[in-house]
Structures are given as structure tokens and as C-alpha cells.
């Protein structure tokens, strides 16, 4: 496209910041599928670029940002709302990553969404389900990445089982094969056994559920299929016997590079041996006879997720519903707080410049889950709820969404620790402080858990001040609420709450 050409509303882009490579795909809808317009892959070795304190090495960060700068040029004609950028295993583990995240946002104009392993598995499954539309087949989907391996089983468009295991081609190559330079029988055996041990907790559940076919995604599996074809071991179908033959040839040569294969890139030869060990372990542990290699992966799943926005919202709603049921949340009380939160939001969204979709969604989720921790204990339940949210794999949610939701639930009552908000970026700190004021006021007004409407109360907004007006008799009937409203003025940061007594008419 010419730089002067207006952005096409039908063009979508997805960037997968993997532990071995960064991938970008640009596509547009085509019937029930998508048509790829462009794709780019850049090896960054992010997974091998963490120091002993799990911080990104300066040279690794520089390489990663250089790749994103190149991606940014290609994204100029893609509407910003049609772009998703996700980080996976390495960015999930990385400490002190704020500088990289800020610079990436500056380059791309879009923040990185760090997703959980199970959410990654869901998105990968979605990509395969759209590519193989036979809904009667029960499929096991396997994706061996640089730092983690995702496994999902499902039938039709949605997976039933999802898991992410901390083993990948980059991590295993560096851990057991000295960066691919020490491929010995002892190293291959040790790596395979270690991967089998990692898979032990999955065996009973996955075998019990069963599958009709197995589909593999991403670099390791596609590279293994090409290697088997080039070496005339198979037609590209991956079998346990084929992998054994391939492993023998690699061990005999001393390294993958020594085989001089033309079907895989030089960058892939440096990490593939760890992936082969993981793949052998998966096939042996789960007793898999053969695997078909798929050409789609996480990035295509992100495109389908954007196209099916309503479906994505349904997944988030189901996640909230699952938590509500699992922890026996009082639905009537959650509904009371939600409805009042919505009314307050409608009054402030304009003056406070809040997003009617994104910010309202977050506020509603927090209202629905504000008593989540009572399923653990009533004492300090706000802290229990925040812990559950922050440390669970919530399907459909990014890590930043979970963090924001946990903060709102944690501080919807009692003392606010302002250091938590001070540590956030300014715009995020202000946004969460404003939403928190609405949630706290809503929860406060319904502390009595009555079904009676709050018609006698009048709430008015002026800049960043909320004024609650109430008749004297109402205040006398609700002394606890009266005291709590007064106390809120001492607790909030960006918003002040004032109580005004209405004179009797």
C-alpha cells in the first residue's frame, strides 16, 4: 500500500512476541476464513536473553525493539483498533520489563498484552478450529514454542481442556544441549525424560478425554515435518518412529547444523534439537501415533479473535460466571453494586473522559467479583479476591486486565495503599483511581444489602468531585452509610466525595 492510502477498515494485524521469534501476520476477512496479505518472522531469541535475575539483557532488548520498529512501518496502513500485540512465556517470566513495554508501545502505538499460557492455548486452538472446520473431530492441538508448550483438546470451535507447560525449544536447547553444540545420546535422553516428567500431571486427564486426531502448530513441529520430508523419512507426517530416525541422524552428525538441511533456516537449526526432545516426550507420554503439521498458530488465532469480538466477550462473560459459581458469590448483591456502578459511570464517562466500552467493562467485572474472596474467608475478603484474580488463568483476559481487575477488587473497601497507584503509569493510575471511586461508592451504598432502590439519593458530578445529596431522614435511617460516605473523603486520591444534606421540602 502507498503511505498516503487511507487505512482499510477490513485489514487486521497480529503480532506474537514469542520466546524464539517475533511473528506478524496481516490479513483480511474472506467468508468464514481470512486471507493473508503479509507475514513477517524475525528471530529474536527472547527466551535466551534473560539474565540470572530474569531481566532482559540490553542486547536482547535492543534486538527486540529493532524488530518492532520494522513491524511498525508495515502497520502504518492498519487501523489501530485492528491490531493486537501479545507477549507469551518469556514476557510472562521477565522482571523489570517496564522499559521494554513502554518503548514497544511507543513504536507500535499499541500496548503489549501479556497473556497466560491457557489463554495462549485457547487462541491457538481457535486458529486450528477455523482452519479444520470438521466439528465432529475431537482434536488434540500441540504447539511447542520457545519457552512453553501448549496443549488443548476440543471438538468444534471451543477447547475443553487447555494447559501450558514450561518447556520449549529455546529453553531445552540451552539447558541440555549447550545451545545446540552438544547433541549427545546422554543429553537427548536427559532432555526427553525431563519433558516426560513435566507432562506427568496431564496424562490421566488428557488420555481419559481422548482425541480423534492430533494437529501440531508453530516452528518446531513445522520444522520437524520439513526435515522428515527432506531426509525421505516420511511425507511430512510426524510419527514416533520417524522422530527416532531423525534423532539418530542428528546424534550421528553431532548437531542439526551438520546435516546441512535446506528445508529449515539457520536460526531454526540452532534451537530445533530441544524442540525435538520435547516432541518425542509428548508423543511417548501421551501415546500419540502421528501428528499433522498445521500452517496456522497463535497469530491467526488473534485475528479470528478480533473478528469474533462478540465471541471473545462471551468467553470473558463465561469466565466471570465460572468464578461466580466456583466461589459462591452472592449474585443479588453483585447485581446491586453493578447496577449502581453503571448509573454512576453514565454520569461521569463524558466529564472524566472514560471509555464507554473498555472502562465500563472493567468496572462491571469488578462489581460482579468484588465479593469473590468471601468464598475463602470473610475476614480480609477483598485481599483474598484480589489474590485469586491475579493468580488465576482467566480465559479471555490479558495479564494487564487481570492486574487492573485485582487492584479494583483489592481496594474496593478499607484503606487504599497509594503506593500501588503511584507505581503505575500516570494514565493507568488516574483511570483506575476514577473507576475505583465509582466501585467504592457503589459498594458502600449497598452495604446494607437491601433491595430497596436508592431513589432518595441524588448523585452529581463536577470535574473530579462526586456530591451525594440525601434527605436528613434518610441519613438518620442509615447512620453506617452516612459515616462511610464522610470517611471516603479521607481515602480517595483523584476523586473527592462530598455529602450534602437536602433540606425537607
Protein backbone atom coordinates (compact mmCIF):
# COMPACT_ATOMS: atom_id res chain seq x y z
CA UNK A 1 0.00 0.00 0.00
CA UNK A 2 1.05 3.57 -0.59
CA UNK A 3 1.68 5.52 2.66
CA UNK A 4 -0.88 8.08 1.54
CA UNK A 5 -3.57 5.43 1.10
CA UNK A 6 -6.24 5.55 3.82
CA UNK A 7 -6.19 2.63 6.23
CA UNK A 8 -8.53 -0.18 5.20
CA UNK A 9 -11.08 -0.95 7.92
CA UNK A 10 -11.08 -4.61 6.89
CA UNK A 11 -7.34 -5.17 7.42
CA UNK A 12 -6.17 -6.78 10.67
CA UNK A 13 -2.71 -7.38 12.12
CA UNK A 14 -1.50 -9.67 14.90
CA UNK A 15 1.98 -9.77 16.43
CA UNK A 16 3.16 -12.71 18.53
CA UNK A 17 6.21 -11.87 20.67
CA UNK A 18 7.42 -15.42 21.16
CA UNK A 19 10.42 -16.74 23.08
CA UNK A 20 12.26 -17.73 19.90
CA UNK A 21 10.88 -15.42 17.21
CA UNK A 22 8.56 -12.48 16.70
CA UNK A 23 5.82 -13.16 14.15
CA UNK A 24 3.44 -10.75 12.47
CA UNK A 25 0.57 -11.58 10.15
CA UNK A 26 -1.63 -9.11 8.28
CA UNK A 27 -4.91 -10.44 6.92
CA UNK A 28 -8.42 -9.54 5.91
CA UNK A 29 -11.71 -11.45 6.28
CA UNK A 30 -12.68 -13.76 3.44
CA UNK A 31 -16.00 -15.50 4.01
CA UNK A 32 -15.70 -17.56 7.18
CA UNK A 33 -11.92 -17.53 6.91
CA UNK A 34 -9.13 -14.99 6.44
CA UNK A 35 -6.80 -14.16 3.56
CA UNK A 36 -3.21 -13.41 4.47
CA UNK A 37 -1.83 -10.24 2.94
CA UNK A 38 1.60 -10.30 4.51
CA UNK A 39 3.60 -12.11 7.17
CA UNK A 40 6.96 -11.46 8.79
CA UNK A 41 9.16 -13.51 11.12
CA UNK A 42 12.18 -12.22 12.99
CA UNK A 43 14.33 -14.45 15.22
CA UNK A 44 14.98 -12.57 18.47
CA UNK A 45 15.88 -15.37 20.94
CA UNK A 46 13.98 -13.54 23.66
CA UNK A 47 13.87 -16.72 25.74
CA UNK A 48 17.67 -16.95 25.81
CA UNK A 49 18.01 -13.25 26.60
CA UNK A 50 17.16 -13.20 30.30
CA UNK A 51 19.89 -12.82 32.89
CA UNK A 52 20.04 -14.74 36.19
CA UNK A 53 17.56 -12.28 37.71
CA UNK A 54 15.14 -12.85 34.81
CA UNK A 55 15.71 -9.39 33.38
CA UNK A 56 16.04 -8.77 29.65
CA UNK A 57 19.66 -8.37 28.61
CA UNK A 58 20.32 -4.96 26.96
CA UNK A 59 21.40 -6.55 23.67
CA UNK A 60 18.29 -8.77 23.61
CA UNK A 61 16.01 -5.81 24.31
CA UNK A 62 17.72 -3.76 21.58
CA UNK A 63 17.26 -6.60 19.06
CA UNK A 64 13.59 -6.99 20.02
CA UNK A 65 12.87 -3.26 19.72
CA UNK A 66 14.62 -3.13 16.36
CA UNK A 67 12.31 -5.89 15.11
CA UNK A 68 9.25 -3.99 16.37
CA UNK A 69 10.44 -0.80 14.68
CA UNK A 70 10.44 -2.69 11.39
CA UNK A 71 6.98 -4.08 12.10
CA UNK A 72 5.75 -0.57 12.89
CA UNK A 73 6.50 0.56 9.34
CA UNK A 74 4.33 -2.22 7.92
CA UNK A 75 1.49 -1.38 10.31
CA UNK A 76 1.00 2.20 9.10
CA UNK A 77 -1.96 1.28 6.93
CA UNK A 78 -3.69 -0.91 9.54
CA UNK A 79 -6.32 0.73 11.79
CA UNK A 80 -5.00 0.83 15.36
CA UNK A 81 -8.15 -0.87 16.69
CA UNK A 82 -7.47 -3.81 14.34
CA UNK A 83 -4.04 -4.55 15.84
CA UNK A 84 -3.18 -6.90 18.70
CA UNK A 85 0.28 -7.46 20.13
CA UNK A 86 0.73 -10.29 22.63
CA UNK A 87 3.62 -11.47 24.75
CA UNK A 88 3.94 -15.10 25.81
CA UNK A 89 6.23 -17.23 28.00
CA UNK A 90 9.36 -15.07 28.21
CA UNK A 91 7.50 -11.83 28.83
CA UNK A 92 5.33 -13.63 31.38
CA UNK A 93 8.52 -14.51 33.28
CA UNK A 94 10.56 -11.36 32.69
CA UNK A 95 11.19 -9.00 35.61
CA UNK A 96 11.62 -5.23 35.34
CA UNK A 97 10.16 -5.27 31.82
CA UNK A 98 8.54 -1.81 32.06
CA UNK A 99 11.10 -0.03 29.85
CA UNK A 100 10.69 -2.57 27.06
CA UNK A 101 6.90 -2.40 27.31
CA UNK A 102 6.90 1.41 27.12
CA UNK A 103 9.26 1.50 24.15
CA UNK A 104 7.25 -1.17 22.32
CA UNK A 105 4.07 0.83 22.90
CA UNK A 106 5.77 3.96 21.59
CA UNK A 107 6.94 2.20 18.43
CA UNK A 108 3.72 0.33 17.65
CA UNK A 109 1.15 2.75 19.08
CA UNK A 110 -0.38 -0.27 20.78
CA UNK A 111 0.38 -1.80 24.19
CA UNK A 112 1.64 -5.36 24.54
CA UNK A 113 -0.95 -7.73 26.03
CA UNK A 114 0.78 -10.40 28.10
CA UNK A 115 -1.44 -13.47 28.05
CA UNK A 116 -1.48 -16.58 30.22
CA UNK A 117 -0.43 -19.97 28.92
CA UNK A 118 -4.00 -21.27 28.94
CA UNK A 119 -5.23 -18.20 27.04
CA UNK A 120 -2.45 -18.83 24.53
CA UNK A 121 -3.66 -22.43 24.18
CA UNK A 122 -7.23 -21.21 23.60
CA UNK A 123 -6.17 -18.83 20.83
CA UNK A 124 -4.02 -21.48 19.12
CA UNK A 125 -6.92 -23.93 19.24
CA UNK A 126 -9.19 -21.26 17.72
CA UNK A 127 -6.84 -20.84 14.76
CA UNK A 128 -6.80 -24.58 14.05
CA UNK A 129 -10.57 -24.94 14.56
CA UNK A 130 -11.20 -22.28 11.91
CA UNK A 131 -8.79 -23.99 9.53
CA UNK A 132 -10.14 -27.52 10.05
CA UNK A 133 -13.93 -26.93 10.18
CA UNK A 134 -15.00 -30.57 10.72
CA UNK A 135 -16.74 -30.16 14.08
CA UNK A 136 -17.21 -33.91 14.60
CA UNK A 137 -13.50 -34.49 15.05
CA UNK A 138 -12.11 -34.31 18.57
CA UNK A 139 -8.67 -32.75 18.22
CA UNK A 140 -5.56 -32.51 20.35
CA UNK A 141 -3.63 -29.36 19.41
CA UNK A 142 0.08 -29.11 20.31
CA UNK A 143 2.23 -26.00 20.00
CA UNK A 144 5.90 -26.19 21.04
CA UNK A 145 7.17 -22.65 21.42
CA UNK A 146 10.50 -21.26 22.53
CA UNK A 147 9.76 -21.34 26.25
CA UNK A 148 6.49 -23.19 26.73
CA UNK A 149 4.33 -25.87 25.15
CA UNK A 150 0.57 -25.51 24.86
CA UNK A 151 -1.83 -28.45 24.59
CA UNK A 152 -5.57 -28.15 24.01
CA UNK A 153 -8.32 -30.66 23.29
CA UNK A 154 -11.71 -29.76 21.89
CA UNK A 155 -14.47 -30.56 19.49
CA UNK A 156 -15.83 -27.73 17.38
CA UNK A 157 -14.88 -24.07 17.86
CA UNK A 158 -14.06 -24.13 21.60
CA UNK A 159 -11.49 -26.19 23.52
CA UNK A 160 -12.48 -28.22 26.56
CA UNK A 161 -9.03 -28.85 28.04
CA UNK A 162 -6.16 -26.36 27.91
CA UNK A 163 -2.74 -26.47 29.50
CA UNK A 164 0.64 -24.76 29.21
CA UNK A 165 3.84 -26.49 30.29
CA UNK A 166 7.18 -24.75 30.87
CA UNK A 167 9.29 -26.49 28.25
CA UNK A 168 10.24 -25.24 24.79
CA UNK A 169 12.80 -25.45 22.03
CA UNK A 170 14.93 -22.49 23.18
CA UNK A 171 14.91 -23.31 26.90
CA UNK A 172 15.65 -27.03 26.36
CA UNK A 173 18.33 -26.44 23.72
CA UNK A 174 20.23 -24.11 26.06
CA UNK A 175 19.59 -26.21 29.14
CA UNK A 176 20.52 -29.65 27.82
CA UNK A 177 22.41 -29.18 24.55
CA UNK A 178 24.68 -26.20 25.24
CA UNK A 179 22.96 -24.04 22.64
CA UNK A 180 22.78 -26.87 20.11
CA UNK A 181 26.51 -27.61 20.14
CA UNK A 182 26.46 -30.63 22.47
CA UNK A 183 23.99 -33.10 20.96
CA UNK A 184 24.87 -36.41 22.60
CA UNK A 185 22.78 -39.51 23.39
CA UNK A 186 23.03 -38.74 27.12
CA UNK A 187 21.81 -35.15 26.60
CA UNK A 188 18.92 -36.30 24.38
CA UNK A 189 17.87 -38.92 26.95
CA UNK A 190 18.07 -36.43 29.84
CA UNK A 191 16.05 -33.77 27.96
CA UNK A 192 13.38 -36.28 26.93
CA UNK A 193 13.00 -37.67 30.46
CA UNK A 194 12.76 -34.17 31.93
CA UNK A 195 10.00 -33.28 29.45
CA UNK A 196 8.15 -36.51 30.31
CA UNK A 197 8.26 -35.56 33.99
CA UNK A 198 6.79 -32.12 33.18
CA UNK A 199 3.92 -33.85 31.36
CA UNK A 200 3.07 -36.30 34.17
CA UNK A 201 0.23 -34.19 35.70
CA UNK A 202 -1.59 -34.13 32.32
CA UNK A 203 -1.52 -37.82 31.43
CA UNK A 204 -4.64 -39.14 33.16
CA UNK A 205 -6.94 -36.25 32.23
CA UNK A 206 -5.82 -35.95 28.61
CA UNK A 207 -5.86 -39.68 27.90
CA UNK A 208 -9.27 -40.03 29.56
CA UNK A 209 -10.71 -37.27 27.37
CA UNK A 210 -9.15 -38.74 24.21
CA UNK A 211 -8.94 -37.42 20.65
CA UNK A 212 -9.51 -38.46 17.05
CA UNK A 213 -6.55 -36.63 15.52
CA UNK A 214 -3.52 -34.60 16.58
CA UNK A 215 -2.50 -31.31 14.95
CA UNK A 216 0.80 -29.57 15.64
CA UNK A 217 1.49 -25.85 15.23
CA UNK A 218 4.41 -23.42 15.11
CA UNK A 219 8.11 -23.62 14.35
CA UNK A 220 9.32 -26.82 15.98
CA UNK A 221 6.60 -29.03 14.55
CA UNK A 222 6.64 -27.45 11.09
CA UNK A 223 10.44 -27.70 11.00
CA UNK A 224 10.36 -31.35 12.10
CA UNK A 225 7.85 -32.14 9.32
CA UNK A 226 10.09 -30.47 6.72
CA UNK A 227 13.19 -32.27 7.99
CA UNK A 228 11.43 -35.64 7.81
CA UNK A 229 10.41 -34.90 4.23
CA UNK A 230 13.85 -33.71 3.09
CA UNK A 231 15.54 -36.75 4.62
CA UNK A 232 12.95 -39.05 2.93
CA UNK A 233 11.87 -40.44 6.29
CA UNK A 234 8.18 -39.57 5.76
CA UNK A 235 5.86 -37.44 3.67
CA UNK A 236 5.83 -34.80 6.39
CA UNK A 237 3.62 -36.72 8.81
CA UNK A 238 5.34 -36.88 12.21
CA UNK A 239 5.47 -40.34 13.79
CA UNK A 240 7.37 -41.70 16.78
CA UNK A 241 9.43 -43.98 14.54
CA UNK A 242 10.19 -41.06 12.21
CA UNK A 243 11.39 -38.94 15.13
CA UNK A 244 13.61 -41.78 16.34
CA UNK A 245 15.24 -41.98 12.90
CA UNK A 246 15.66 -38.20 12.78
CA UNK A 247 17.22 -38.16 16.26
CA UNK A 248 19.71 -40.88 15.26
CA UNK A 249 20.82 -38.87 12.25
CA UNK A 250 21.28 -35.73 14.36
CA UNK A 251 23.25 -37.66 17.00
CA UNK A 252 25.43 -39.23 14.33
CA UNK A 253 26.14 -35.82 12.75
CA UNK A 254 26.76 -34.19 16.15
CA UNK A 255 24.39 -31.26 15.54
CA UNK A 256 21.46 -30.23 13.38
CA UNK A 257 23.67 -27.73 11.54
CA UNK A 258 25.94 -30.55 10.42
CA UNK A 259 23.07 -32.16 8.46
CA UNK A 260 23.13 -29.15 6.06
CA UNK A 261 19.38 -29.24 5.50
CA UNK A 262 17.88 -26.68 3.14
CA UNK A 263 14.31 -27.02 4.46
CA UNK A 264 14.91 -25.12 7.70
CA UNK A 265 16.56 -21.77 8.36
CA UNK A 266 19.92 -21.30 10.02
CA UNK A 267 18.25 -19.67 13.01
CA UNK A 268 15.94 -22.67 13.42
CA UNK A 269 18.81 -25.20 13.31
CA UNK A 270 20.23 -23.53 16.43
CA UNK A 271 17.21 -24.36 18.61
CA UNK A 272 15.35 -27.24 16.97
CA UNK A 273 17.08 -30.06 18.86
CA UNK A 274 15.48 -29.00 22.17
CA UNK A 275 12.10 -28.92 20.44
CA UNK A 276 12.63 -32.42 19.03
CA UNK A 277 13.33 -33.74 22.54
CA UNK A 278 10.12 -32.15 23.80
CA UNK A 279 8.16 -33.50 20.82
CA UNK A 280 9.49 -37.03 21.40
CA UNK A 281 8.47 -36.82 25.05
CA UNK A 282 4.94 -35.65 24.21
CA UNK A 283 4.36 -38.42 21.66
CA UNK A 284 5.71 -41.10 24.01
CA UNK A 285 3.95 -39.88 27.18
CA UNK A 286 0.54 -39.38 25.56
CA UNK A 287 0.96 -42.40 23.26
CA UNK A 288 0.47 -40.34 20.09
CA UNK A 289 0.94 -42.28 16.86
CA UNK A 290 1.10 -39.41 14.36
CA UNK A 291 0.85 -35.63 14.13
CA UNK A 292 -0.21 -33.45 11.20
CA UNK A 293 1.61 -30.14 10.90
CA UNK A 294 -0.60 -27.05 10.63
CA UNK A 295 0.37 -23.77 8.98
CA UNK A 296 -1.60 -21.64 11.47
CA UNK A 297 -0.76 -20.71 15.04
CA UNK A 298 -1.26 -18.07 17.73
CA UNK A 299 -1.20 -15.04 15.40
CA UNK A 300 -4.02 -16.40 13.23
CA UNK A 301 -5.94 -17.14 16.42
CA UNK A 302 -5.58 -13.48 17.38
CA UNK A 303 -7.02 -12.40 14.02
CA UNK A 304 -10.02 -14.70 14.42
CA UNK A 305 -10.46 -13.44 17.98
CA UNK A 306 -10.64 -9.83 16.74
CA UNK A 307 -13.09 -10.77 14.00
CA UNK A 308 -15.25 -12.62 16.51
CA UNK A 309 -15.31 -9.82 19.09
CA UNK A 310 -18.77 -10.83 20.33
CA UNK A 311 -17.49 -14.39 20.79
CA UNK A 312 -14.50 -13.07 22.74
CA UNK A 313 -16.82 -11.08 25.02
CA UNK A 314 -18.84 -14.26 25.57
CA UNK A 315 -15.65 -16.04 26.69
CA UNK A 316 -14.91 -13.27 29.20
CA UNK A 317 -18.51 -13.41 30.47
CA UNK A 318 -18.27 -17.18 30.87
CA UNK A 319 -15.02 -16.78 32.83
CA UNK A 320 -16.73 -14.34 35.21
CA UNK A 321 -19.72 -16.69 35.52
CA UNK A 322 -17.40 -19.61 36.32
CA UNK A 323 -15.72 -17.65 39.12
CA UNK A 324 -19.12 -16.57 40.45
CA UNK A 325 -20.27 -20.17 40.67
CA UNK A 326 -16.99 -21.61 41.96
CA UNK A 327 -16.72 -19.16 44.85
CA UNK A 328 -20.48 -18.91 45.56
CA UNK A 329 -20.67 -15.14 45.09
CA UNK A 330 -23.92 -13.53 46.28
CA UNK A 331 -25.37 -12.72 42.84
CA UNK A 332 -28.08 -10.40 44.19
CA UNK A 333 -25.54 -8.24 45.97
CA UNK A 334 -23.21 -8.26 42.94
CA UNK A 335 -26.14 -7.12 40.76
CA UNK A 336 -26.98 -4.27 43.15
CA UNK A 337 -23.43 -2.95 43.06
CA UNK A 338 -23.18 -3.47 39.29
CA UNK A 339 -26.36 -1.51 38.54
CA UNK A 340 -25.34 1.45 40.70
CA UNK A 341 -21.84 1.37 39.17
CA UNK A 342 -23.36 1.54 35.70
CA UNK A 343 -25.56 4.53 36.68
CA UNK A 344 -22.60 6.40 38.12
CA UNK A 345 -20.46 5.59 35.11
CA UNK A 346 -23.04 7.04 32.72
CA UNK A 347 -22.84 10.34 34.59
CA UNK A 348 -19.05 10.58 34.65
CA UNK A 349 -17.85 8.93 31.43
CA UNK A 350 -18.05 12.20 29.48
CA UNK A 351 -16.59 14.63 32.02
CA UNK A 352 -13.93 12.14 33.12
CA UNK A 353 -13.11 11.01 29.55
CA UNK A 354 -13.61 7.34 30.30
CA UNK A 355 -14.01 4.75 27.53
CA UNK A 356 -17.70 3.69 27.37
CA UNK A 357 -16.64 0.16 26.40
CA UNK A 358 -13.24 -0.73 27.83
CA UNK A 359 -13.55 1.16 31.12
CA UNK A 360 -17.18 0.20 31.71
CA UNK A 361 -16.35 -3.46 31.12
CA UNK A 362 -13.61 -3.32 33.75
CA UNK A 363 -15.90 -1.61 36.26
CA UNK A 364 -18.69 -4.15 35.68
CA UNK A 365 -16.28 -7.10 36.06
CA UNK A 366 -15.05 -5.63 39.34
CA UNK A 367 -18.62 -5.12 40.59
CA UNK A 368 -19.51 -8.72 39.77
CA UNK A 369 -16.40 -10.05 41.54
CA UNK A 370 -15.93 -7.59 44.40
CA UNK A 371 -17.02 -10.22 46.96
CA UNK A 372 -15.11 -13.07 45.31
CA UNK A 373 -12.83 -13.52 48.33
CA UNK A 374 -15.74 -14.37 50.64
CA UNK A 375 -15.53 -17.86 49.16
CA UNK A 376 -12.24 -18.13 51.09
CA UNK A 377 -12.98 -16.16 54.28
CA UNK A 378 -14.97 -13.09 55.29
CA UNK A 379 -12.02 -11.55 57.10
CA UNK A 380 -9.87 -9.61 54.61
CA UNK A 381 -12.02 -10.95 51.78
CA UNK A 382 -11.00 -8.09 49.48
CA UNK A 383 -7.39 -9.31 49.70
CA UNK A 384 -8.37 -12.94 49.05
CA UNK A 385 -10.40 -11.90 46.00
CA UNK A 386 -7.53 -9.87 44.54
CA UNK A 387 -5.12 -12.79 45.04
CA UNK A 388 -7.44 -15.21 43.24
CA UNK A 389 -7.88 -12.85 40.29
CA UNK A 390 -4.20 -12.03 39.92
CA UNK A 391 -3.01 -15.63 40.19
CA UNK A 392 -5.62 -17.44 38.08
CA UNK A 393 -5.64 -18.15 34.36
CA UNK A 394 -8.72 -16.17 33.34
CA UNK A 395 -9.63 -17.15 29.78
CA UNK A 396 -10.25 -14.18 27.53
CA UNK A 397 -8.33 -11.79 29.79
CA UNK A 398 -4.85 -10.36 29.37
CA UNK A 399 -2.40 -10.08 32.25
CA UNK A 400 -2.85 -6.29 32.39
CA UNK A 401 -6.65 -6.70 32.57
CA UNK A 402 -6.26 -9.18 35.41
CA UNK A 403 -3.91 -6.84 37.26
CA UNK A 404 -6.30 -3.88 36.90
CA UNK A 405 -9.26 -6.02 37.99
CA UNK A 406 -7.31 -7.32 41.00
CA UNK A 407 -6.47 -3.76 42.07
CA UNK A 408 -10.12 -2.68 41.93
CA UNK A 409 -11.27 -5.71 43.94
CA UNK A 410 -8.41 -5.35 46.44
CA UNK A 411 -9.15 -1.69 47.20
CA UNK A 412 -12.93 -1.55 46.85
CA UNK A 413 -13.09 -1.28 50.64
CA UNK A 414 -10.97 -0.28 53.59
CA UNK A 415 -7.65 1.56 53.30
CA UNK A 416 -6.13 2.40 49.90
CA UNK A 417 -2.38 1.89 49.55
CA UNK A 418 -1.49 4.83 47.35
CA UNK A 419 1.97 3.40 46.56
CA UNK A 420 0.26 0.79 44.37
CA UNK A 421 -1.25 3.51 42.18
CA UNK A 422 1.92 5.63 42.22
CA UNK A 423 3.84 2.71 40.70
CA UNK A 424 1.50 2.58 37.67
CA UNK A 425 1.87 4.70 34.52
CA UNK A 426 0.17 8.07 35.04
CA UNK A 427 -2.74 7.43 32.67
CA UNK A 428 -3.41 3.97 34.14
CA UNK A 429 -3.15 5.27 37.71
CA UNK A 430 -5.70 8.01 37.01
CA UNK A 431 -8.03 5.67 35.14
CA UNK A 432 -8.08 3.04 37.89
CA UNK A 433 -8.43 5.68 40.62
CA UNK A 434 -11.51 7.10 38.91
CA UNK A 435 -13.08 3.69 38.39
CA UNK A 436 -12.25 2.72 41.96
CA UNK A 437 -14.13 5.75 43.29
CA UNK A 438 -17.26 4.57 41.47
CA UNK A 439 -16.90 0.99 42.68
CA UNK A 440 -16.24 2.01 46.28
CA UNK A 441 -19.24 4.35 46.36
CA UNK A 442 -21.50 1.70 44.80
CA UNK A 443 -20.38 -0.99 47.27
CA UNK A 444 -20.72 1.47 50.15
CA UNK A 445 -24.28 2.45 49.24
CA UNK A 446 -25.32 -1.22 49.16
CA UNK A 447 -23.55 -2.34 52.31
CA UNK A 448 -26.93 -2.98 53.94
CA UNK A 449 -27.73 -5.48 51.15
CA UNK A 450 -31.28 -4.12 50.79
CA UNK A 451 -33.29 -4.44 47.61
CA UNK A 452 -34.86 -1.03 48.13
CA UNK A 453 -33.92 1.47 45.37
CA UNK A 454 -31.72 4.47 46.10
CA UNK A 455 -34.20 6.91 44.59
CA UNK A 456 -33.91 9.31 47.50
CA UNK A 457 -30.22 9.83 46.85
CA UNK A 458 -29.03 12.29 44.24
CA UNK A 459 -25.51 12.00 42.87
CA UNK A 460 -24.00 14.88 40.92
CA UNK A 461 -20.61 15.18 39.24
CA UNK A 462 -18.47 18.29 38.86
CA UNK A 463 -14.99 17.77 37.44
CA UNK A 464 -13.39 15.23 39.80
CA UNK A 465 -15.84 15.69 42.62
CA UNK A 466 -18.83 13.50 43.45
CA UNK A 467 -21.55 15.07 45.57
CA UNK A 468 -24.07 12.78 47.23
CA UNK A 469 -27.24 14.56 48.30
CA UNK A 470 -29.60 12.85 50.73
CA UNK A 471 -32.61 13.88 52.83
CA UNK A 472 -31.96 14.19 56.55
CA UNK A 473 -34.37 11.38 57.39
CA UNK A 474 -32.52 9.02 55.04
CA UNK A 475 -29.23 9.78 56.73
CA UNK A 476 -30.80 9.18 60.13
CA UNK A 477 -32.10 5.81 58.93
CA UNK A 478 -28.69 4.85 57.51
CA UNK A 479 -26.09 6.02 60.05
CA UNK A 480 -23.47 3.49 58.92
CA UNK A 481 -23.71 4.59 55.29
CA UNK A 482 -23.63 8.22 56.44
CA UNK A 483 -20.38 7.65 58.33
CA UNK A 484 -18.82 5.70 55.44
CA UNK A 485 -19.54 8.46 52.90
CA UNK A 486 -17.90 11.01 55.18
CA UNK A 487 -14.88 8.74 55.63
CA UNK A 488 -14.40 8.28 51.88
CA UNK A 489 -13.15 11.86 51.58
CA UNK A 490 -10.07 10.77 53.53
CA UNK A 491 -9.33 7.70 51.41
CA UNK A 492 -9.60 8.53 47.71
CA UNK A 493 -6.84 10.03 45.59
CA UNK A 494 -8.05 11.55 42.31
CA UNK A 495 -11.69 11.98 43.36
CA UNK A 496 -13.29 13.73 46.31
CA UNK A 497 -16.68 12.70 47.64
CA UNK A 498 -18.84 15.21 49.48
CA UNK A 499 -22.07 14.63 51.34
CA UNK A 500 -24.79 17.25 51.09
CA UNK A 501 -27.88 17.15 53.28
CA UNK A 502 -31.07 18.17 51.50
CA UNK A 503 -33.48 20.33 53.41
CA UNK A 504 -37.00 18.91 53.74
CA UNK A 505 -39.42 20.34 51.21
